[in-house]
């Protein structure tokens, strides 16, 4: 006479493991230390699923099942088994997570807004709202360079860049979670346009209403300086369309105006990387020097003898 078998089968859960899965299908595998049948549940027995055995449809020592439709979430896998003598094991379980959702990247904000106008010392800000229950990293690739962003508030991430010149910059955001779900945005473009340059022209030291009149043969200093622009850009100084000097931050020329006429004096800032062309013009009006003495006509007294008073003297000039 043999003793009755009252020992439940030993259940070993191979899959799933206590981890997070980011792809489907999920494979469930268990083994028994003796022949029997097996099934599983993901809701503590409210709904049970039969597992396929290695010897027949639901019999053997090795059992498996496949799930291709499970939703994201946290689950406990319960393995149930009984042996050929009716001993049951309902105690084996393992907890796992399904996360197939990519991080969300929304609310892309650029400051200054696109397109921007170039300005020195500007801090360019790029923000995005990124959400994920297991977010690991948020990066931005800007103009071919990969940057790690800063979490500035809540779900808002920021990249701050200085020193950008005029141009069109391509960039995109990317975020991944701890199970390598990845989201990459479409490529964005940020444009910085040229700023207006500014120059100052002086004729003999005066720039306010700088037109002036001089006599022929007079020498004056023509001077142009850079107010706003790239430091290495060129300044061109013209006298009636003829280039008389060029330099970077300042141009000057001492000019003698020998001939009469109206002279156009212009300083030009040549368009550079970050600033557009600008110019300023004043006029020099050159007239003849008057070297002829005025004609004096004596009207009174005349060449005669006077015998009464008062005595009147009167002359006239041919010009003021």
Protein backbone atom coordinates (compact mmCIF):
# COMPACT_ATOMS: atom_id res chain seq x y z
CA UNK A 1 0.00 0.00 0.00
CA UNK A 2 1.48 3.36 -1.06
CA UNK A 3 0.95 6.66 0.73
CA UNK A 4 -1.45 9.15 -0.84
CA UNK A 5 0.15 12.08 -2.75
CA UNK A 6 -0.82 15.20 -0.83
CA UNK A 7 2.06 17.46 -1.91
CA UNK A 8 1.12 20.24 -4.37
CA UNK A 9 3.28 20.71 -7.45
CA UNK A 10 6.17 23.15 -7.26
CA UNK A 11 5.61 26.03 -9.69
CA UNK A 12 8.54 27.98 -11.15
CA UNK A 13 7.69 31.18 -13.06
CA UNK A 14 10.22 31.81 -15.81
CA UNK A 15 8.31 34.58 -17.58
CA UNK A 16 7.22 37.25 -16.90
CA UNK A 17 9.95 38.64 -14.72
CA UNK A 18 9.68 41.39 -12.15
CA UNK A 19 10.51 44.13 -14.64
CA UNK A 20 9.00 46.60 -17.12
CA UNK A 21 8.22 45.53 -20.69
CA UNK A 22 8.01 48.01 -23.55
CA UNK A 23 6.93 45.72 -26.39
CA UNK A 24 4.39 43.04 -27.25
CA UNK A 25 3.66 40.17 -27.35
CA UNK A 26 4.35 39.15 -23.78
CA UNK A 27 5.36 35.53 -23.19
CA UNK A 28 4.33 33.64 -20.06
CA UNK A 29 6.31 30.51 -19.17
CA UNK A 30 6.10 28.31 -16.08
CA UNK A 31 7.34 24.83 -15.16
CA UNK A 32 6.15 22.19 -12.72
CA UNK A 33 8.20 19.56 -10.90
CA UNK A 34 5.65 16.92 -11.97
CA UNK A 35 3.00 16.47 -14.59
CA UNK A 36 -0.13 18.46 -14.21
CA UNK A 37 -2.28 21.21 -15.66
CA UNK A 38 -1.81 24.97 -15.39
CA UNK A 39 -3.50 28.29 -16.04
CA UNK A 40 -2.87 31.94 -15.16
CA UNK A 41 -4.68 35.10 -14.10
CA UNK A 42 -3.82 38.79 -14.20
CA UNK A 43 -6.56 39.86 -11.79
CA UNK A 44 -6.24 37.51 -8.83
CA UNK A 45 -8.41 34.79 -10.28
CA UNK A 46 -11.34 36.86 -11.54
CA UNK A 47 -10.48 35.82 -15.07
CA UNK A 48 -8.32 32.75 -15.76
CA UNK A 49 -6.52 31.68 -18.93
CA UNK A 50 -5.47 28.15 -19.85
CA UNK A 51 -1.77 27.56 -20.57
CA UNK A 52 -0.47 25.16 -23.21
CA UNK A 53 1.49 22.16 -21.88
CA UNK A 54 4.45 20.47 -23.48
CA UNK A 55 2.71 17.07 -23.60
CA UNK A 56 -0.82 18.01 -24.66
CA UNK A 57 -3.12 21.01 -24.86
CA UNK A 58 -3.13 21.55 -21.09
CA UNK A 59 -0.90 18.87 -19.66
CA UNK A 60 2.76 18.37 -18.95
CA UNK A 61 5.54 19.99 -16.96
CA UNK A 62 6.29 23.01 -19.17
CA UNK A 63 3.54 25.55 -19.90
CA UNK A 64 3.38 28.72 -21.96
CA UNK A 65 0.96 31.41 -23.08
CA UNK A 66 1.16 34.57 -25.19
CA UNK A 67 -0.58 37.93 -24.71
CA UNK A 68 -0.53 40.41 -27.60
CA UNK A 69 -3.15 42.89 -26.42
CA UNK A 70 -2.28 43.78 -22.84
CA UNK A 71 -2.58 47.48 -22.03
CA UNK A 72 -0.01 49.62 -20.26
CA UNK A 73 -0.11 49.21 -16.50
CA UNK A 74 1.11 47.25 -13.50
CA UNK A 75 0.07 43.60 -13.25
CA UNK A 76 0.49 40.61 -10.98
CA UNK A 77 0.85 37.30 -12.83
CA UNK A 78 -0.71 34.46 -10.82
CA UNK A 79 0.23 30.90 -11.83
CA UNK A 80 -2.22 28.14 -10.83
CA UNK A 81 -1.41 24.41 -11.13
CA UNK A 82 -2.66 21.02 -10.00
CA UNK A 83 -1.10 17.60 -10.33
CA UNK A 84 -2.63 14.30 -11.42
CA UNK A 85 -3.84 13.53 -7.92
CA UNK A 86 -5.63 16.85 -7.51
CA UNK A 87 -3.11 18.72 -5.37
CA UNK A 88 -3.26 22.47 -6.11
CA UNK A 89 -0.72 25.30 -5.96
CA UNK A 90 -2.27 28.78 -6.05
CA UNK A 91 0.56 30.70 -4.39
CA UNK A 92 3.09 31.54 -7.13
CA UNK A 93 2.98 35.08 -8.57
CA UNK A 94 5.19 37.83 -9.92
CA UNK A 95 4.53 41.54 -10.50
CA UNK A 96 5.48 43.26 -13.76
CA UNK A 97 4.79 46.50 -15.65
CA UNK A 98 3.86 47.13 -19.27
CA UNK A 99 4.95 50.55 -20.57
CA UNK A 100 4.83 51.00 -24.32
CA UNK A 101 4.02 54.73 -24.25
CA UNK A 102 6.61 57.19 -25.55
CA UNK A 103 7.24 60.37 -23.55
CA UNK A 104 5.00 63.25 -24.58
CA UNK A 105 6.70 66.40 -25.91
CA UNK A 106 4.40 69.41 -26.30
CA UNK A 107 4.26 73.20 -26.01
CA UNK A 108 7.47 74.09 -27.83
CA UNK A 109 8.29 77.72 -27.01
CA UNK A 110 11.08 79.91 -28.42
CA UNK A 111 12.22 83.22 -26.93
CA UNK A 112 12.75 85.65 -28.54
CA UNK A 113 10.00 84.45 -30.88
CA UNK A 114 10.92 83.26 -34.36
CA UNK A 115 12.12 85.07 -36.41
CA UNK A 116 14.35 87.03 -34.06
CA UNK A 117 16.51 90.06 -34.78
CA UNK A 118 20.17 89.80 -33.89
CA UNK A 119 21.28 91.48 -30.69
CA UNK A 120 24.53 91.08 -28.79
CA UNK A 121 24.40 89.28 -25.42
CA UNK A 122 20.94 87.85 -26.13
CA UNK A 123 20.06 84.63 -24.28
CA UNK A 124 18.01 82.43 -26.61
CA UNK A 125 15.52 80.21 -24.73
CA UNK A 126 13.96 76.97 -25.98
CA UNK A 127 11.31 75.31 -23.79
CA UNK A 128 9.22 72.14 -24.06
CA UNK A 129 6.74 70.36 -21.80
CA UNK A 130 7.74 66.70 -21.44
CA UNK A 131 5.73 64.10 -19.52
CA UNK A 132 6.23 60.40 -18.80
CA UNK A 133 5.73 58.26 -15.71
CA UNK A 134 9.31 56.95 -15.97
CA UNK A 135 11.05 59.83 -17.73
CA UNK A 136 14.81 59.41 -17.84
CA UNK A 137 16.36 62.04 -20.13
CA UNK A 138 15.35 65.08 -22.17
CA UNK A 139 17.77 66.37 -24.78
CA UNK A 140 17.79 68.79 -27.68
CA UNK A 141 20.00 68.62 -30.72
CA UNK A 142 20.60 72.20 -31.82
CA UNK A 143 22.52 72.95 -35.00
CA UNK A 144 24.12 69.50 -34.91
CA UNK A 145 25.18 69.67 -31.25
CA UNK A 146 23.49 67.50 -28.60
CA UNK A 147 22.58 69.34 -25.39
CA UNK A 148 21.19 68.12 -22.07
CA UNK A 149 18.28 70.32 -20.99
CA UNK A 150 17.37 71.68 -17.56
CA UNK A 151 14.13 70.90 -15.74
CA UNK A 152 13.13 74.46 -14.83
CA UNK A 153 9.63 73.92 -13.44
CA UNK A 154 7.24 70.98 -13.25
CA UNK A 155 7.34 69.24 -16.62
CA UNK A 156 9.02 72.18 -18.40
CA UNK A 157 12.52 71.65 -19.79
CA UNK A 158 14.80 74.40 -21.06
CA UNK A 159 17.86 75.01 -23.19
CA UNK A 160 19.50 78.47 -23.00
CA UNK A 161 22.07 79.45 -25.64
CA UNK A 162 24.13 82.62 -26.08
CA UNK A 163 26.42 83.79 -28.85
CA UNK A 164 24.20 82.90 -31.80
CA UNK A 165 24.83 84.85 -34.99
CA UNK A 166 22.49 85.57 -37.89
CA UNK A 167 21.28 82.43 -39.64
CA UNK A 168 18.71 79.61 -39.73
CA UNK A 169 19.20 76.93 -37.07
CA UNK A 170 17.65 73.45 -37.15
CA UNK A 171 16.90 71.58 -33.95
CA UNK A 172 14.73 68.84 -32.50
CA UNK A 173 13.74 67.57 -29.06
CA UNK A 174 14.15 63.97 -27.91
CA UNK A 175 13.05 62.27 -24.69
CA UNK A 176 13.32 58.71 -23.45
CA UNK A 177 12.06 56.86 -20.39
CA UNK A 178 13.69 54.20 -18.25
CA UNK A 179 12.56 51.36 -20.56
CA UNK A 180 13.83 53.12 -23.72
CA UNK A 181 10.53 54.37 -25.05
CA UNK A 182 11.67 57.26 -27.24
CA UNK A 183 9.99 60.33 -28.70
CA UNK A 184 11.70 62.63 -31.22
CA UNK A 185 9.97 65.76 -32.49
CA UNK A 186 9.93 66.94 -36.06
CA UNK A 187 12.82 69.23 -36.98
CA UNK A 188 12.20 72.83 -35.96
CA UNK A 189 13.82 75.91 -37.54
CA UNK A 190 14.83 79.05 -35.66
CA UNK A 191 15.82 82.11 -37.69
CA UNK A 192 17.85 85.13 -36.57
CA UNK A 193 17.73 88.07 -38.99
CA UNK A 194 20.24 90.89 -39.40
CA UNK A 195 19.94 93.94 -37.17
CA UNK A 196 20.16 97.52 -38.42
CA UNK A 197 23.64 99.01 -38.27
CA UNK A 198 24.25 102.68 -37.38
CA UNK A 199 27.03 105.09 -38.35
CA UNK A 200 27.84 108.72 -37.58
CA UNK A 201 29.29 111.28 -40.02
CA UNK A 202 30.84 114.56 -38.93
CA UNK A 203 32.07 117.48 -41.06
CA UNK A 204 34.73 119.35 -39.14
CA UNK A 205 33.36 118.01 -35.86
CA UNK A 206 29.65 118.81 -36.30
CA UNK A 207 27.04 116.11 -36.90
CA UNK A 208 23.80 117.90 -36.03
CA UNK A 209 22.38 119.18 -39.32
CA UNK A 210 25.82 118.46 -40.67
CA UNK A 211 25.60 120.23 -44.03
CA UNK A 212 28.05 123.13 -44.20
CA UNK A 213 29.21 125.91 -46.50
CA UNK A 214 32.85 126.87 -46.93
CA UNK A 215 35.01 129.01 -49.19
CA UNK A 216 37.11 127.44 -51.88
CA UNK A 217 40.58 126.52 -50.69
CA UNK A 218 39.33 125.60 -47.20
CA UNK A 219 40.40 122.32 -45.60
CA UNK A 220 38.02 120.40 -43.28
CA UNK A 221 38.13 116.98 -41.61
CA UNK A 222 35.62 114.40 -42.82
CA UNK A 223 35.09 111.73 -40.17
CA UNK A 224 32.87 108.63 -39.91
CA UNK A 225 32.50 106.31 -36.90
CA UNK A 226 30.69 103.04 -36.22
CA UNK A 227 27.87 103.26 -33.65
CA UNK A 228 26.28 99.81 -34.05
CA UNK A 229 27.65 96.90 -36.06
CA UNK A 230 30.16 94.06 -36.15
CA UNK A 231 33.55 95.25 -34.96
CA UNK A 232 35.40 93.82 -37.96
CA UNK A 233 33.05 95.18 -40.63
CA UNK A 234 34.19 97.84 -43.13
CA UNK A 235 33.38 101.55 -43.13
CA UNK A 236 33.73 103.36 -46.47
CA UNK A 237 34.09 107.16 -46.75
CA UNK A 238 33.13 108.77 -50.08
CA UNK A 239 33.56 112.30 -51.48
CA UNK A 240 31.20 112.77 -54.43
CA UNK A 241 31.21 109.03 -55.10
CA UNK A 242 35.00 108.63 -54.87
CA UNK A 243 36.29 106.36 -52.08
CA UNK A 244 38.73 108.39 -49.97
CA UNK A 245 39.20 106.05 -46.99
CA UNK A 246 38.09 102.73 -45.53
CA UNK A 247 38.63 101.09 -42.17
CA UNK A 248 36.81 99.15 -39.47
CA UNK A 249 35.59 101.28 -36.55
CA UNK A 250 36.50 104.78 -37.80
CA UNK A 251 37.42 106.48 -41.08
CA UNK A 252 38.80 110.01 -41.46
CA UNK A 253 40.17 112.29 -44.16
CA UNK A 254 41.40 115.88 -44.17
CA UNK A 255 40.15 117.30 -47.46
CA UNK A 256 40.93 120.63 -49.16
CA UNK A 257 38.07 121.86 -51.36
CA UNK A 258 39.75 123.87 -54.12
CA UNK A 259 36.85 124.03 -56.56
CA UNK A 260 33.41 125.45 -56.05
CA UNK A 261 30.39 123.17 -56.09
CA UNK A 262 28.14 120.98 -53.94
CA UNK A 263 29.96 117.92 -52.58
CA UNK A 264 28.19 114.74 -51.39
CA UNK A 265 30.02 113.29 -48.38
CA UNK A 266 28.82 109.79 -47.44
CA UNK A 267 29.87 107.11 -44.96
CA UNK A 268 28.72 103.53 -45.70
CA UNK A 269 28.63 100.50 -43.37
CA UNK A 270 29.06 97.40 -45.53
CA UNK A 271 26.61 94.60 -44.71
CA UNK A 272 28.25 92.02 -42.40
CA UNK A 273 27.28 88.74 -40.78
CA UNK A 274 24.93 90.25 -38.22
CA UNK A 275 24.12 93.78 -39.45
CA UNK A 276 22.60 95.22 -42.61
CA UNK A 277 24.05 98.04 -44.73
CA UNK A 278 23.55 101.62 -43.56
CA UNK A 279 24.83 105.05 -44.56
CA UNK A 280 24.74 108.72 -43.67
CA UNK A 281 25.20 111.68 -46.03
CA UNK A 282 25.90 115.38 -45.60
CA UNK A 283 26.75 118.08 -48.16
CA UNK A 284 29.57 120.62 -48.39
CA UNK A 285 28.75 123.74 -50.39
CA UNK A 286 31.96 125.40 -51.66
CA UNK A 287 31.81 128.99 -52.97
CA UNK A 288 34.44 131.47 -54.29
CA UNK A 289 36.39 133.61 -51.84
CA UNK A 290 35.67 137.37 -52.42
CA UNK A 291 39.02 139.22 -52.86
CA UNK A 292 37.66 142.43 -54.55
CA UNK A 293 37.41 145.57 -52.39
CA UNK A 294 34.08 147.38 -52.37
CA UNK A 295 33.65 150.52 -54.57
CA UNK A 296 33.17 153.64 -52.44
CA UNK A 297 31.26 156.66 -53.80
CA UNK A 298 31.46 159.96 -51.82
CA UNK A 299 28.17 161.73 -52.20
CA UNK A 300 28.81 164.49 -49.67
CA UNK A 301 30.83 166.55 -49.19
CA UNK A 302 31.58 167.57 -52.75
CA UNK A 303 34.66 169.41 -54.00
CA UNK A 304 33.42 172.88 -53.01
CA UNK A 305 33.39 175.51 -50.20
CA UNK A 306 30.70 175.40 -47.46
CA UNK A 307 29.70 178.48 -45.38
CA UNK A 308 27.00 177.02 -43.10
CA UNK A 309 26.40 174.27 -40.58
CA UNK A 310 25.51 171.52 -39.97
CA UNK A 311 27.88 169.72 -42.29
CA UNK A 312 26.69 166.39 -43.82
CA UNK A 313 28.89 163.49 -44.92
CA UNK A 314 27.40 160.77 -47.12
CA UNK A 315 28.95 157.80 -48.96
CA UNK A 316 27.66 154.66 -50.73
CA UNK A 317 29.15 151.13 -51.42
CA UNK A 318 28.56 148.84 -54.37
CA UNK A 319 27.97 145.88 -51.99
CA UNK A 320 27.11 145.24 -48.43
